[in-house]
């Protein structure tokens, strides 16, 4: 019986090591399958995130340009107070984007030109506050300068 007990013990030991090997192989296969699914999804997510960031930058640039265009149109129509409010928003938004460390809507080449354009803030707001018709021409010039500085977006 001692021989039979020894043989049963060896069979159990072999069964355990075989089970551990099979379990290890299945775990490795599961890990590889998981990674094969994860990597393409991660790459796709990364690409979409970059596209969303670019779209957000483009949207922000368009919003700022739209505010400037609204101010110009309102001044041309003689609606100086509305134009003054729009141009004030334009200057505030443009300056905030220039001063923000995280903002990426302006390139390094555009920033100095935008700074120069935003230096006219007090003068244009004063013209609009006085309902001066010359403000419409100044706003038109500012609009053209901004479009030129931002590569015509």
C-alpha atoms as a PDB file:
ATOM      1  CA  UNK A   1       0.000   0.000   0.000  1.00  0.00           C
ATOM      2  CA  UNK A   2       2.834   2.325   0.488  1.00  0.00           C
ATOM      3  CA  UNK A   3       3.631   2.065  -3.190  1.00  0.00           C
ATOM      4  CA  UNK A   4       0.012   2.856  -4.123  1.00  0.00           C
ATOM      5  CA  UNK A   5      -0.077   5.856  -1.774  1.00  0.00           C
ATOM      6  CA  UNK A   6       3.121   7.177  -3.324  1.00  0.00           C
ATOM      7  CA  UNK A   7       1.726   6.770  -6.843  1.00  0.00           C
ATOM      8  CA  UNK A   8      -1.525   8.581  -5.914  1.00  0.00           C
ATOM      9  CA  UNK A   9       0.492  11.383  -4.323  1.00  0.00           C
ATOM     10  CA  UNK A  10       2.604  11.751  -7.486  1.00  0.00           C
ATOM     11  CA  UNK A  11      -0.533  11.792  -9.653  1.00  0.00           C
ATOM     12  CA  UNK A  12      -2.034  14.540  -7.512  1.00  0.00           C
ATOM     13  CA  UNK A  13       1.198  16.528  -7.691  1.00  0.00           C
ATOM     14  CA  UNK A  14       1.313  16.111 -11.471  1.00  0.00           C
ATOM     15  CA  UNK A  15      -2.337  17.136 -11.739  1.00  0.00           C
ATOM     16  CA  UNK A  16      -1.654  20.266  -9.670  1.00  0.00           C
ATOM     17  CA  UNK A  17       1.373  21.314 -11.709  1.00  0.00           C
ATOM     18  CA  UNK A  18      -0.549  20.620 -14.932  1.00  0.00           C
ATOM     19  CA  UNK A  19      -3.432  22.728 -13.619  1.00  0.00           C
ATOM     20  CA  UNK A  20      -1.078  25.574 -12.676  1.00  0.00           C
ATOM     21  CA  UNK A  21       0.528  25.462 -16.143  1.00  0.00           C
ATOM     22  CA  UNK A  22      -2.867  25.521 -17.870  1.00  0.00           C
ATOM     23  CA  UNK A  23      -4.008  28.367 -15.645  1.00  0.00           C
ATOM     24  CA  UNK A  24      -0.837  30.323 -16.428  1.00  0.00           C
ATOM     25  CA  UNK A  25      -1.282  29.774 -20.168  1.00  0.00           C
ATOM     26  CA  UNK A  26      -4.928  30.872 -20.012  1.00  0.00           C
ATOM     27  CA  UNK A  27      -3.979  33.965 -18.000  1.00  0.00           C
ATOM     28  CA  UNK A  28      -1.279  34.838 -20.562  1.00  0.00           C
ATOM     29  CA  UNK A  29      -3.716  34.342 -23.451  1.00  0.00           C
ATOM     30  CA  UNK A  30      -6.316  36.505 -21.693  1.00  0.00           C
ATOM     31  CA  UNK A  31      -3.715  39.236 -21.089  1.00  0.00           C
ATOM     32  CA  UNK A  32      -2.612  39.230 -24.728  1.00  0.00           C
ATOM     33  CA  UNK A  33      -6.248  39.371 -25.896  1.00  0.00           C
ATOM     34  CA  UNK A  34      -6.930  42.253 -23.525  1.00  0.00           C
ATOM     35  CA  UNK A  35      -3.909  44.177 -24.787  1.00  0.00           C
ATOM     36  CA  UNK A  36      -4.831  43.491 -28.415  1.00  0.00           C
ATOM     37  CA  UNK A  37      -8.172  45.126 -27.723  1.00  0.00           C
ATOM     38  CA  UNK A  38      -6.838  47.919 -25.544  1.00  0.00           C
ATOM     39  CA  UNK A  39      -4.092  49.305 -27.770  1.00  0.00           C
ATOM     40  CA  UNK A  40      -6.290  50.110 -30.806  1.00  0.00           C
ATOM     41  CA  UNK A  41      -8.927  51.660 -28.574  1.00  0.00           C
ATOM     42  CA  UNK A  42      -6.306  53.781 -26.797  1.00  0.00           C
ATOM     43  CA  UNK A  43      -4.903  54.975 -30.133  1.00  0.00           C
ATOM     44  CA  UNK A  44      -8.391  55.786 -31.385  1.00  0.00           C
ATOM     45  CA  UNK A  45      -9.207  57.659 -28.177  1.00  0.00           C
ATOM     46  CA  UNK A  46      -5.963  59.620 -28.403  1.00  0.00           C
ATOM     47  CA  UNK A  47      -6.684  60.634 -32.004  1.00  0.00           C
ATOM     48  CA  UNK A  48     -10.223  61.715 -31.147  1.00  0.00           C
ATOM     49  CA  UNK A  49      -9.007  63.701 -28.139  1.00  0.00           C
ATOM     50  CA  UNK A  50      -6.545  65.607 -30.326  1.00  0.00           C
ATOM     51  CA  UNK A  51      -9.297  66.331 -32.857  1.00  0.00           C
ATOM     52  CA  UNK A  52     -11.639  67.567 -30.121  1.00  0.00           C
ATOM     53  CA  UNK A  53      -8.916  69.855 -28.741  1.00  0.00           C
ATOM     54  CA  UNK A  54      -8.275  71.312 -32.196  1.00  0.00           C
ATOM     55  CA  UNK A  55     -11.996  71.825 -32.744  1.00  0.00           C
ATOM     56  CA  UNK A  56     -12.294  73.605 -29.382  1.00  0.00           C
ATOM     57  CA  UNK A  57      -9.400  75.915 -30.314  1.00  0.00           C
ATOM     58  CA  UNK A  58     -10.964  76.682 -33.683  1.00  0.00           C
ATOM     59  CA  UNK A  59     -14.341  77.316 -32.060  1.00  0.00           C
ATOM     60  CA  UNK A  60     -12.825  79.710 -29.518  1.00  0.00           C
ATOM     61  CA  UNK A  61     -11.010  81.610 -32.275  1.00  0.00           C
ATOM     62  CA  UNK A  62     -14.242  81.841 -34.251  1.00  0.00           C
ATOM     63  CA  UNK A  63     -16.179  83.068 -31.222  1.00  0.00           C
ATOM     64  CA  UNK A  64     -13.690  85.867 -30.614  1.00  0.00           C
ATOM     65  CA  UNK A  65     -13.742  86.846 -34.301  1.00  0.00           C
ATOM     66  CA  UNK A  66     -17.554  86.751 -34.297  1.00  0.00           C
ATOM     67  CA  UNK A  67     -17.673  89.114 -31.326  1.00  0.00           C
ATOM     68  CA  UNK A  68     -15.395  91.548 -33.168  1.00  0.00           C
ATOM     69  CA  UNK A  69     -17.522  91.266 -36.318  1.00  0.00           C
ATOM     70  CA  UNK A  70     -20.680  91.950 -34.283  1.00  0.00           C
ATOM     71  CA  UNK A  71     -19.112  95.068 -32.793  1.00  0.00           C
ATOM     72  CA  UNK A  72     -18.129  96.277 -36.261  1.00  0.00           C
ATOM     73  CA  UNK A  73     -21.597  95.692 -37.723  1.00  0.00           C
ATOM     74  CA  UNK A  74     -23.322  97.324 -34.755  1.00  0.00           C
ATOM     75  CA  UNK A  75     -21.112 100.414 -35.021  1.00  0.00           C
ATOM     76  CA  UNK A  76     -21.803 100.641 -38.774  1.00  0.00           C
ATOM     77  CA  UNK A  77     -25.535 100.522 -38.041  1.00  0.00           C
ATOM     78  CA  UNK A  78     -25.228 103.282 -35.426  1.00  0.00           C
ATOM     79  CA  UNK A  79     -25.833 100.958 -32.498  1.00  0.00           C
ATOM     80  CA  UNK A  80     -22.827 102.237 -30.594  1.00  0.00           C
ATOM     81  CA  UNK A  81     -23.721 100.942 -27.134  1.00  0.00           C
ATOM     82  CA  UNK A  82     -24.194  97.388 -28.369  1.00  0.00           C
ATOM     83  CA  UNK A  83     -20.995  97.736 -30.386  1.00  0.00           C
ATOM     84  CA  UNK A  84     -19.188  99.000 -27.289  1.00  0.00           C
ATOM     85  CA  UNK A  85     -20.355  95.996 -25.294  1.00  0.00           C
ATOM     86  CA  UNK A  86     -19.271  93.617 -28.062  1.00  0.00           C
ATOM     87  CA  UNK A  87     -15.857  95.175 -28.481  1.00  0.00           C
ATOM     88  CA  UNK A  88     -15.329  95.171 -24.733  1.00  0.00           C
ATOM     89  CA  UNK A  89     -16.073  91.430 -24.742  1.00  0.00           C
ATOM     90  CA  UNK A  90     -13.694  90.963 -27.670  1.00  0.00           C
ATOM     91  CA  UNK A  91     -10.845  92.731 -25.882  1.00  0.00           C
ATOM     92  CA  UNK A  92     -11.502  90.873 -22.630  1.00  0.00           C
ATOM     93  CA  UNK A  93     -11.591  87.479 -24.353  1.00  0.00           C
ATOM     94  CA  UNK A  94      -8.545  88.138 -26.527  1.00  0.00           C
ATOM     95  CA  UNK A  95      -6.531  89.422 -23.565  1.00  0.00           C
ATOM     96  CA  UNK A  96      -7.594  86.454 -21.430  1.00  0.00           C
ATOM     97  CA  UNK A  97      -6.387  84.046 -24.134  1.00  0.00           C
ATOM     98  CA  UNK A  98      -3.099  85.928 -24.426  1.00  0.00           C
ATOM     99  CA  UNK A  99      -2.533  85.954 -20.669  1.00  0.00           C
ATOM    100  CA  UNK A 100      -3.599  82.372 -20.030  1.00  0.00           C
ATOM    101  CA  UNK A 101      -0.736  79.916 -19.602  1.00  0.00           C
ATOM    102  CA  UNK A 102      -2.927  77.036 -20.817  1.00  0.00           C
ATOM    103  CA  UNK A 103      -4.374  78.806 -23.861  1.00  0.00           C
ATOM    104  CA  UNK A 104      -3.230  77.530 -27.212  1.00  0.00           C
ATOM    105  CA  UNK A 105      -5.563  79.330 -29.596  1.00  0.00           C
ATOM    106  CA  UNK A 106      -2.882  81.785 -30.728  1.00  0.00           C
ATOM    107  CA  UNK A 107       0.429  80.729 -32.206  1.00  0.00           C
ATOM    108  CA  UNK A 108       3.694  82.346 -31.166  1.00  0.00           C
ATOM    109  CA  UNK A 109       3.695  84.321 -34.439  1.00  0.00           C
ATOM    110  CA  UNK A 110       0.156  85.618 -33.833  1.00  0.00           C
ATOM    111  CA  UNK A 111       0.581  86.704 -30.228  1.00  0.00           C
ATOM    112  CA  UNK A 112       2.633  89.896 -30.816  1.00  0.00           C
ATOM    113  CA  UNK A 113       0.192  91.046 -33.502  1.00  0.00           C
ATOM    114  CA  UNK A 114      -2.808  90.382 -31.252  1.00  0.00           C
ATOM    115  CA  UNK A 115      -1.136  92.294 -28.410  1.00  0.00           C
ATOM    116  CA  UNK A 116      -0.666  95.273 -30.731  1.00  0.00           C
ATOM    117  CA  UNK A 117      -4.314  95.108 -31.759  1.00  0.00           C
ATOM    118  CA  UNK A 118      -5.547  94.915 -28.165  1.00  0.00           C
ATOM    119  CA  UNK A 119      -3.607  98.067 -27.257  1.00  0.00           C
ATOM    120  CA  UNK A 120      -6.317 100.133 -29.004  1.00  0.00           C
ATOM    121  CA  UNK A 121      -8.941  99.141 -26.447  1.00  0.00           C
ATOM    122  CA  UNK A 122      -9.398 102.436 -24.591  1.00  0.00           C
ATOM    123  CA  UNK A 123      -9.398 104.545 -27.735  1.00  0.00           C
ATOM    124  CA  UNK A 124     -12.051 102.501 -29.553  1.00  0.00           C
ATOM    125  CA  UNK A 125     -14.264 102.086 -26.491  1.00  0.00           C
ATOM    126  CA  UNK A 126     -14.112 105.847 -25.935  1.00  0.00           C
ATOM    127  CA  UNK A 127     -15.130 106.506 -29.562  1.00  0.00           C
ATOM    128  CA  UNK A 128     -18.073 104.126 -29.186  1.00  0.00           C
ATOM    129  CA  UNK A 129     -19.093 105.680 -25.855  1.00  0.00           C
ATOM    130  CA  UNK A 130     -19.232 109.073 -27.593  1.00  0.00           C
ATOM    131  CA  UNK A 131     -21.223 107.578 -30.492  1.00  0.00           C
ATOM    132  CA  UNK A 132     -18.531 108.771 -32.863  1.00  0.00           C
ATOM    133  CA  UNK A 133     -19.102 107.521 -36.440  1.00  0.00           C
ATOM    134  CA  UNK A 134     -15.318 107.185 -36.846  1.00  0.00           C
ATOM    135  CA  UNK A 135     -15.498 104.193 -34.503  1.00  0.00           C
ATOM    136  CA  UNK A 136     -17.052 102.089 -37.277  1.00  0.00           C
ATOM    137  CA  UNK A 137     -14.038 102.652 -39.513  1.00  0.00           C
ATOM    138  CA  UNK A 138     -11.629 101.912 -36.673  1.00  0.00           C
ATOM    139  CA  UNK A 139     -13.495  98.694 -35.910  1.00  0.00           C
ATOM    140  CA  UNK A 140     -13.362  97.701 -39.577  1.00  0.00           C
ATOM    141  CA  UNK A 141      -9.606  98.243 -39.541  1.00  0.00           C
ATOM    142  CA  UNK A 142      -9.342  96.230 -36.314  1.00  0.00           C
ATOM    143  CA  UNK A 143     -11.380  93.411 -37.864  1.00  0.00           C
ATOM    144  CA  UNK A 144      -9.142  93.265 -40.944  1.00  0.00           C
ATOM    145  CA  UNK A 145      -6.030  93.415 -38.746  1.00  0.00           C
ATOM    146  CA  UNK A 146      -7.274  90.611 -36.534  1.00  0.00           C
ATOM    147  CA  UNK A 147      -8.202  88.402 -39.509  1.00  0.00           C
ATOM    148  CA  UNK A 148      -4.780  89.041 -41.015  1.00  0.00           C
ATOM    149  CA  UNK A 149      -3.016  88.320 -37.722  1.00  0.00           C
ATOM    150  CA  UNK A 150      -4.899  85.067 -37.219  1.00  0.00           C
ATOM    151  CA  UNK A 151      -4.217  83.877 -40.760  1.00  0.00           C
ATOM    152  CA  UNK A 152      -7.688  84.628 -41.987  1.00  0.00           C
ATOM    153  CA  UNK A 153      -9.552  82.092 -39.867  1.00  0.00           C
END
